Amino acid sequence: MKLPTIGLGSLISIAILLTGLFIVAYCKPLIKAVNGQGLNNLTDSTYAYLYYNGQPPKEYNDNEISHLKDVKLLMNSLKVVWLTLLIVSLALIVKLHKIRSEAMVLAGVILLLFSLLMLVAIFNFDKFFIALHCVFFPHGNWQFPAGSLILKVFPSTYFSLAALLVLVFILFSACVLIIMGKLFGQS
């Protein structure tokens, strides 16, 4: 397998992975389905702050606001990476039609391998969640006492369910990519 094929397959797989992350992150009904009763207004304003504009809700304490700001910064940075990868991947798929089928199959295989890692993470979710937060939020403002408001809006059930939904999206995408790659390879 040649380097351009590996590169394109990798770009496609990362773009798909981030697509799954954003589909789940922007799914407000998922957040509302798992958080505590009576939190609809706070959930709406938190969601609007994280994914659109405005200020963090005043109901949160300083540590919760600090973490929400970090999450918003991370999500905005990932959004730029995602859009860039998506545009570059689509342009290269069109331009590099000779390696398109191989790259799509490779992207599907990469996603299947990543799915195995995600499956391990889901079965060890608490450890995975802590490790992920230690990497992305090393200054520790992500640890909250039981009963804190942010944990009511975003309970652990939300993150477990979100990880499962991203996994399903990735598995589906991997199968579609492999099938499309095989079909393009035959034509």
C-alpha atoms as a PDB file:
ATOM      1  CA  MET A   1       0.000   0.000   0.000  1.00  0.00           C
ATOM      2  CA  LYS A   2       1.375   3.370  -1.005  1.00  0.00           C
ATOM      3  CA  LEU A   3       1.819   6.412   1.224  1.00  0.00           C
ATOM      4  CA  PRO A   4      -0.912   8.499  -0.505  1.00  0.00           C
ATOM      5  CA  THR A   5      -3.410   5.694   0.118  1.00  0.00           C
ATOM      6  CA  ILE A   6      -2.419   5.439   3.766  1.00  0.00           C
ATOM      7  CA  GLY A   7      -2.570   9.214   4.147  1.00  0.00           C
ATOM      8  CA  LEU A   8      -5.978   9.534   2.534  1.00  0.00           C
ATOM      9  CA  GLY A   9      -7.351   6.554   4.448  1.00  0.00           C
ATOM     10  CA  SER A  10      -6.122   8.078   7.702  1.00  0.00           C
ATOM     11  CA  LEU A  11      -7.624  11.490   6.879  1.00  0.00           C
ATOM     12  CA  ILE A  12     -10.974   9.925   6.037  1.00  0.00           C
ATOM     13  CA  SER A  13     -11.050   7.852   9.225  1.00  0.00           C
ATOM     14  CA  ILE A  14     -10.220  10.825  11.468  1.00  0.00           C
ATOM     15  CA  ALA A  15     -12.823  12.979   9.684  1.00  0.00           C
ATOM     16  CA  ILE A  16     -15.456  10.249  10.224  1.00  0.00           C
ATOM     17  CA  LEU A  17     -14.492   9.840  13.880  1.00  0.00           C
ATOM     18  CA  LEU A  18     -14.854  13.573  14.509  1.00  0.00           C
ATOM     19  CA  THR A  19     -18.141  13.591  12.584  1.00  0.00           C
ATOM     20  CA  GLY A  20     -19.500  10.985  14.984  1.00  0.00           C
ATOM     21  CA  LEU A  21     -18.283  12.994  17.952  1.00  0.00           C
ATOM     22  CA  PHE A  22     -19.988  16.158  16.718  1.00  0.00           C
ATOM     23  CA  ILE A  23     -23.250  14.421  15.792  1.00  0.00           C
ATOM     24  CA  VAL A  24     -23.528  13.127  19.345  1.00  0.00           C
ATOM     25  CA  ALA A  25     -22.243  16.318  21.008  1.00  0.00           C
ATOM     26  CA  TYR A  26     -24.761  18.487  19.163  1.00  0.00           C
ATOM     27  CA  CYS A  27     -27.649  16.169  20.007  1.00  0.00           C
ATOM     28  CA  LYS A  28     -29.465  18.237  22.639  1.00  0.00           C
ATOM     29  CA  PRO A  29     -32.233  15.631  23.152  1.00  0.00           C
ATOM     30  CA  LEU A  30     -29.548  13.210  24.385  1.00  0.00           C
ATOM     31  CA  ILE A  31     -28.445  15.658  27.081  1.00  0.00           C
ATOM     32  CA  LYS A  32     -32.039  16.373  28.093  1.00  0.00           C
ATOM     33  CA  ALA A  33     -32.906  12.677  28.205  1.00  0.00           C
ATOM     34  CA  VAL A  34     -30.301  11.847  30.843  1.00  0.00           C
ATOM     35  CA  ASN A  35     -30.014  14.895  33.089  1.00  0.00           C
ATOM     36  CA  GLY A  36     -32.042  15.628  36.189  1.00  0.00           C
ATOM     37  CA  GLN A  37     -35.607  16.837  36.199  1.00  0.00           C
ATOM     38  CA  GLY A  38     -36.217  20.564  36.252  1.00  0.00           C
ATOM     39  CA  LEU A  39     -32.964  21.387  34.482  1.00  0.00           C
ATOM     40  CA  ASN A  40     -34.345  22.175  31.012  1.00  0.00           C
ATOM     41  CA  ASN A  41     -33.589  25.910  31.132  1.00  0.00           C
ATOM     42  CA  LEU A  42     -30.070  25.350  32.487  1.00  0.00           C
ATOM     43  CA  THR A  43     -29.475  22.589  29.965  1.00  0.00           C
ATOM     44  CA  ASP A  44     -30.612  24.866  27.132  1.00  0.00           C
ATOM     45  CA  SER A  45     -28.403  27.750  28.236  1.00  0.00           C
ATOM     46  CA  THR A  46     -25.404  25.452  28.810  1.00  0.00           C
ATOM     47  CA  TYR A  47     -25.886  23.868  25.406  1.00  0.00           C
ATOM     48  CA  ALA A  48     -26.210  27.291  23.763  1.00  0.00           C
ATOM     49  CA  TYR A  49     -23.020  28.461  25.461  1.00  0.00           C
ATOM     50  CA  LEU A  50     -20.982  25.390  24.557  1.00  0.00           C
ATOM     51  CA  TYR A  51     -22.018  25.086  20.933  1.00  0.00           C
ATOM     52  CA  TYR A  52     -23.034  28.569  19.910  1.00  0.00           C
ATOM     53  CA  ASN A  53     -22.421  31.957  21.548  1.00  0.00           C
ATOM     54  CA  GLY A  54     -23.044  33.748  24.766  1.00  0.00           C
ATOM     55  CA  GLN A  55     -21.861  33.532  28.320  1.00  0.00           C
ATOM     56  CA  PRO A  56     -21.735  30.500  30.587  1.00  0.00           C
ATOM     57  CA  PRO A  57     -24.830  30.220  32.771  1.00  0.00           C
ATOM     58  CA  LYS A  58     -24.490  32.087  36.070  1.00  0.00           C
ATOM     59  CA  GLU A  59     -25.900  29.160  38.038  1.00  0.00           C
ATOM     60  CA  TYR A  60     -22.539  27.361  37.829  1.00  0.00           C
ATOM     61  CA  ASN A  61     -19.717  27.971  40.295  1.00  0.00           C
ATOM     62  CA  ASP A  62     -16.302  29.288  39.182  1.00  0.00           C
ATOM     63  CA  ASN A  63     -14.739  25.829  38.777  1.00  0.00           C
ATOM     64  CA  GLU A  64     -17.671  24.598  36.674  1.00  0.00           C
ATOM     65  CA  ILE A  65     -17.512  27.724  34.498  1.00  0.00           C
ATOM     66  CA  SER A  66     -13.765  27.271  34.066  1.00  0.00           C
ATOM     67  CA  HIS A  67     -14.313  23.708  32.893  1.00  0.00           C
ATOM     68  CA  LEU A  68     -17.116  24.709  30.534  1.00  0.00           C
ATOM     69  CA  LYS A  69     -14.814  27.333  29.006  1.00  0.00           C
ATOM     70  CA  ASP A  70     -12.123  24.675  28.501  1.00  0.00           C
ATOM     71  CA  VAL A  71     -14.642  22.306  26.917  1.00  0.00           C
ATOM     72  CA  LYS A  72     -15.868  25.054  24.587  1.00  0.00           C
ATOM     73  CA  LEU A  73     -12.291  25.869  23.536  1.00  0.00           C
ATOM     74  CA  LEU A  74     -11.544  22.194  22.894  1.00  0.00           C
ATOM     75  CA  MET A  75     -14.736  21.691  20.892  1.00  0.00           C
ATOM     76  CA  ASN A  76     -14.112  24.827  18.807  1.00  0.00           C
ATOM     77  CA  SER A  77     -10.545  23.685  18.088  1.00  0.00           C
ATOM     78  CA  LEU A  78     -11.755  20.213  17.129  1.00  0.00           C
ATOM     79  CA  LYS A  79     -14.396  21.792  14.893  1.00  0.00           C
ATOM     80  CA  VAL A  80     -11.697  23.601  12.895  1.00  0.00           C
ATOM     81  CA  VAL A  81      -9.675  20.384  12.569  1.00  0.00           C
ATOM     82  CA  TRP A  82     -12.800  18.430  11.604  1.00  0.00           C
ATOM     83  CA  LEU A  83     -13.939  20.878   8.916  1.00  0.00           C
ATOM     84  CA  THR A  84     -10.424  21.060   7.486  1.00  0.00           C
ATOM     85  CA  LEU A  85     -10.088  17.263   7.376  1.00  0.00           C
ATOM     86  CA  LEU A  86     -13.543  16.878   5.888  1.00  0.00           C
ATOM     87  CA  ILE A  87     -12.861  19.337   3.074  1.00  0.00           C
ATOM     88  CA  VAL A  88      -9.378  17.965   2.361  1.00  0.00           C
ATOM     89  CA  SER A  89     -10.614  14.349   2.453  1.00  0.00           C
ATOM     90  CA  LEU A  90     -13.510  15.015   0.088  1.00  0.00           C
ATOM     91  CA  ALA A  91     -11.285  16.966  -2.308  1.00  0.00           C
ATOM     92  CA  LEU A  92      -8.682  14.196  -2.310  1.00  0.00           C
ATOM     93  CA  ILE A  93     -11.297  11.481  -2.802  1.00  0.00           C
ATOM     94  CA  VAL A  94     -12.438  13.284  -5.941  1.00  0.00           C
ATOM     95  CA  LYS A  95      -8.927  14.154  -7.169  1.00  0.00           C
ATOM     96  CA  LEU A  96      -7.201  10.864  -6.375  1.00  0.00           C
ATOM     97  CA  HIS A  97      -9.817   8.604  -7.927  1.00  0.00           C
ATOM     98  CA  LYS A  98      -7.194   5.908  -8.695  1.00  0.00           C
ATOM     99  CA  ILE A  99      -6.549   5.258  -4.996  1.00  0.00           C
ATOM    100  CA  ARG A 100     -10.030   6.182  -3.771  1.00  0.00           C
ATOM    101  CA  SER A 101     -11.262   2.621  -3.355  1.00  0.00           C
ATOM    102  CA  GLU A 102      -8.173   1.423  -1.480  1.00  0.00           C
ATOM    103  CA  ALA A 103      -8.216   4.501   0.758  1.00  0.00           C
ATOM    104  CA  MET A 104     -11.888   4.013   1.594  1.00  0.00           C
ATOM    105  CA  VAL A 105     -11.351   0.363   2.520  1.00  0.00           C
ATOM    106  CA  LEU A 106      -8.327   1.341   4.610  1.00  0.00           C
ATOM    107  CA  ALA A 107     -10.329   4.067   6.368  1.00  0.00           C
ATOM    108  CA  GLY A 108     -13.001   1.474   7.158  1.00  0.00           C
ATOM    109  CA  VAL A 109     -10.409  -0.912   8.577  1.00  0.00           C
ATOM    110  CA  ILE A 110      -8.839   1.879  10.676  1.00  0.00           C
ATOM    111  CA  LEU A 111     -12.287   2.712  12.037  1.00  0.00           C
ATOM    112  CA  LEU A 112     -12.933  -0.955  12.862  1.00  0.00           C
ATOM    113  CA  LEU A 113      -9.643  -1.085  14.768  1.00  0.00           C
ATOM    114  CA  PHE A 114     -10.513   2.130  16.562  1.00  0.00           C
ATOM    115  CA  SER A 115     -13.899   0.602  17.397  1.00  0.00           C
ATOM    116  CA  LEU A 116     -12.119  -2.202  19.226  1.00  0.00           C
ATOM    117  CA  LEU A 117     -10.267   0.371  21.317  1.00  0.00           C
ATOM    118  CA  MET A 118     -13.534   2.192  21.989  1.00  0.00           C
ATOM    119  CA  LEU A 119     -15.183  -1.040  23.042  1.00  0.00           C
ATOM    120  CA  VAL A 120     -12.421  -1.626  25.596  1.00  0.00           C
ATOM    121  CA  ALA A 121     -12.837   1.988  26.752  1.00  0.00           C
ATOM    122  CA  ILE A 122     -16.605   1.591  27.131  1.00  0.00           C
ATOM    123  CA  PHE A 123     -16.175  -1.514  29.288  1.00  0.00           C
ATOM    124  CA  ASN A 124     -13.664   0.400  31.430  1.00  0.00           C
ATOM    125  CA  PHE A 125     -15.498   3.684  31.118  1.00  0.00           C
ATOM    126  CA  ASP A 126     -14.546   5.303  34.430  1.00  0.00           C
ATOM    127  CA  LYS A 127     -10.824   4.756  33.781  1.00  0.00           C
ATOM    128  CA  PHE A 128     -11.194   5.918  30.173  1.00  0.00           C
ATOM    129  CA  PHE A 129     -13.129   9.030  31.237  1.00  0.00           C
ATOM    130  CA  ILE A 130     -10.493   9.962  33.822  1.00  0.00           C
ATOM    131  CA  ALA A 131      -7.610   9.349  31.406  1.00  0.00           C
ATOM    132  CA  LEU A 132      -9.282  11.423  28.705  1.00  0.00           C
ATOM    133  CA  HIS A 133      -9.876  14.294  31.092  1.00  0.00           C
ATOM    134  CA  CYS A 134      -6.306  14.126  32.414  1.00  0.00           C
ATOM    135  CA  VAL A 135      -5.041  14.496  28.838  1.00  0.00           C
ATOM    136  CA  PHE A 136      -7.373  17.291  27.693  1.00  0.00           C
ATOM    137  CA  PHE A 137      -7.809  19.122  31.006  1.00  0.00           C
ATOM    138  CA  PRO A 138      -4.506  18.582  32.858  1.00  0.00           C
ATOM    139  CA  HIS A 139      -4.994  21.405  35.380  1.00  0.00           C
ATOM    140  CA  GLY A 140      -7.744  19.340  37.048  1.00  0.00           C
ATOM    141  CA  ASN A 141     -10.765  21.650  36.913  1.00  0.00           C
ATOM    142  CA  TRP A 142     -12.871  18.728  35.680  1.00  0.00           C
ATOM    143  CA  GLN A 143     -13.257  17.058  39.072  1.00  0.00           C
ATOM    144  CA  PHE A 144     -16.450  17.999  40.878  1.00  0.00           C
ATOM    145  CA  PRO A 145     -18.011  16.950  44.162  1.00  0.00           C
ATOM    146  CA  ALA A 146     -20.992  14.614  44.029  1.00  0.00           C
ATOM    147  CA  GLY A 147     -24.198  16.570  43.630  1.00  0.00           C
ATOM    148  CA  SER A 148     -22.591  19.519  41.845  1.00  0.00           C
ATOM    149  CA  LEU A 149     -24.735  21.259  39.270  1.00  0.00           C
ATOM    150  CA  ILE A 150     -22.564  20.363  36.281  1.00  0.00           C
ATOM    151  CA  LEU A 151     -22.849  16.669  37.185  1.00  0.00           C
ATOM    152  CA  LYS A 152     -26.622  17.007  37.246  1.00  0.00           C
ATOM    153  CA  VAL A 153     -26.649  18.550  33.764  1.00  0.00           C
ATOM    154  CA  PHE A 154     -24.030  16.111  32.429  1.00  0.00           C
ATOM    155  CA  PRO A 155     -24.311  12.898  34.478  1.00  0.00           C
ATOM    156  CA  SER A 156     -21.982   9.977  33.798  1.00  0.00           C
ATOM    157  CA  THR A 157     -24.871   8.261  31.984  1.00  0.00           C
ATOM    158  CA  TYR A 158     -24.691  10.965  29.319  1.00  0.00           C
ATOM    159  CA  PHE A 159     -21.022  10.298  28.598  1.00  0.00           C
ATOM    160  CA  SER A 160     -21.457   6.513  28.588  1.00  0.00           C
ATOM    161  CA  LEU A 161     -24.393   6.753  26.197  1.00  0.00           C
ATOM    162  CA  ALA A 162     -22.568   9.301  24.024  1.00  0.00           C
ATOM    163  CA  ALA A 163     -19.534   6.984  23.745  1.00  0.00           C
ATOM    164  CA  LEU A 164     -21.806   4.102  22.771  1.00  0.00           C
ATOM    165  CA  LEU A 165     -23.548   6.208  20.108  1.00  0.00           C
ATOM    166  CA  VAL A 166     -20.195   7.343  18.666  1.00  0.00           C
ATOM    167  CA  LEU A 167     -19.122   3.684  18.554  1.00  0.00           C
ATOM    168  CA  VAL A 168     -22.289   2.712  16.643  1.00  0.00           C
ATOM    169  CA  PHE A 169     -21.740   5.596  14.198  1.00  0.00           C
ATOM    170  CA  ILE A 170     -18.121   4.547  13.648  1.00  0.00           C
ATOM    171  CA  LEU A 171     -19.028   0.895  13.077  1.00  0.00           C
ATOM    172  CA  PHE A 172     -21.742   1.868  10.602  1.00  0.00           C
ATOM    173  CA  SER A 173     -19.380   4.266   8.813  1.00  0.00           C
ATOM    174  CA  ALA A 174     -16.642   1.635   8.669  1.00  0.00           C
ATOM    175  CA  CYS A 175     -18.987  -0.850   7.000  1.00  0.00           C
ATOM    176  CA  VAL A 176     -20.221   1.777   4.522  1.00  0.00           C
ATOM    177  CA  LEU A 177     -16.646   2.801   3.645  1.00  0.00           C
ATOM    178  CA  ILE A 178     -15.505  -0.786   3.116  1.00  0.00           C
ATOM    179  CA  ILE A 179     -18.530  -1.601   0.925  1.00  0.00           C
ATOM    180  CA  MET A 180     -18.173   1.631  -1.080  1.00  0.00           C
ATOM    181  CA  GLY A 181     -14.442   1.057  -1.454  1.00  0.00           C
ATOM    182  CA  LYS A 182     -15.044  -2.448  -2.782  1.00  0.00           C
ATOM    183  CA  LEU A 183     -17.739  -1.197  -5.155  1.00  0.00           C
ATOM    184  CA  PHE A 184     -15.528   1.652  -6.461  1.00  0.00           C
ATOM    185  CA  GLY A 185     -12.710  -0.859  -6.897  1.00  0.00           C
ATOM    186  CA  GLN A 186     -14.859  -2.988  -9.181  1.00  0.00           C
ATOM    187  CA  SER A 187     -15.886  -0.136 -11.467  1.00  0.00           C
END
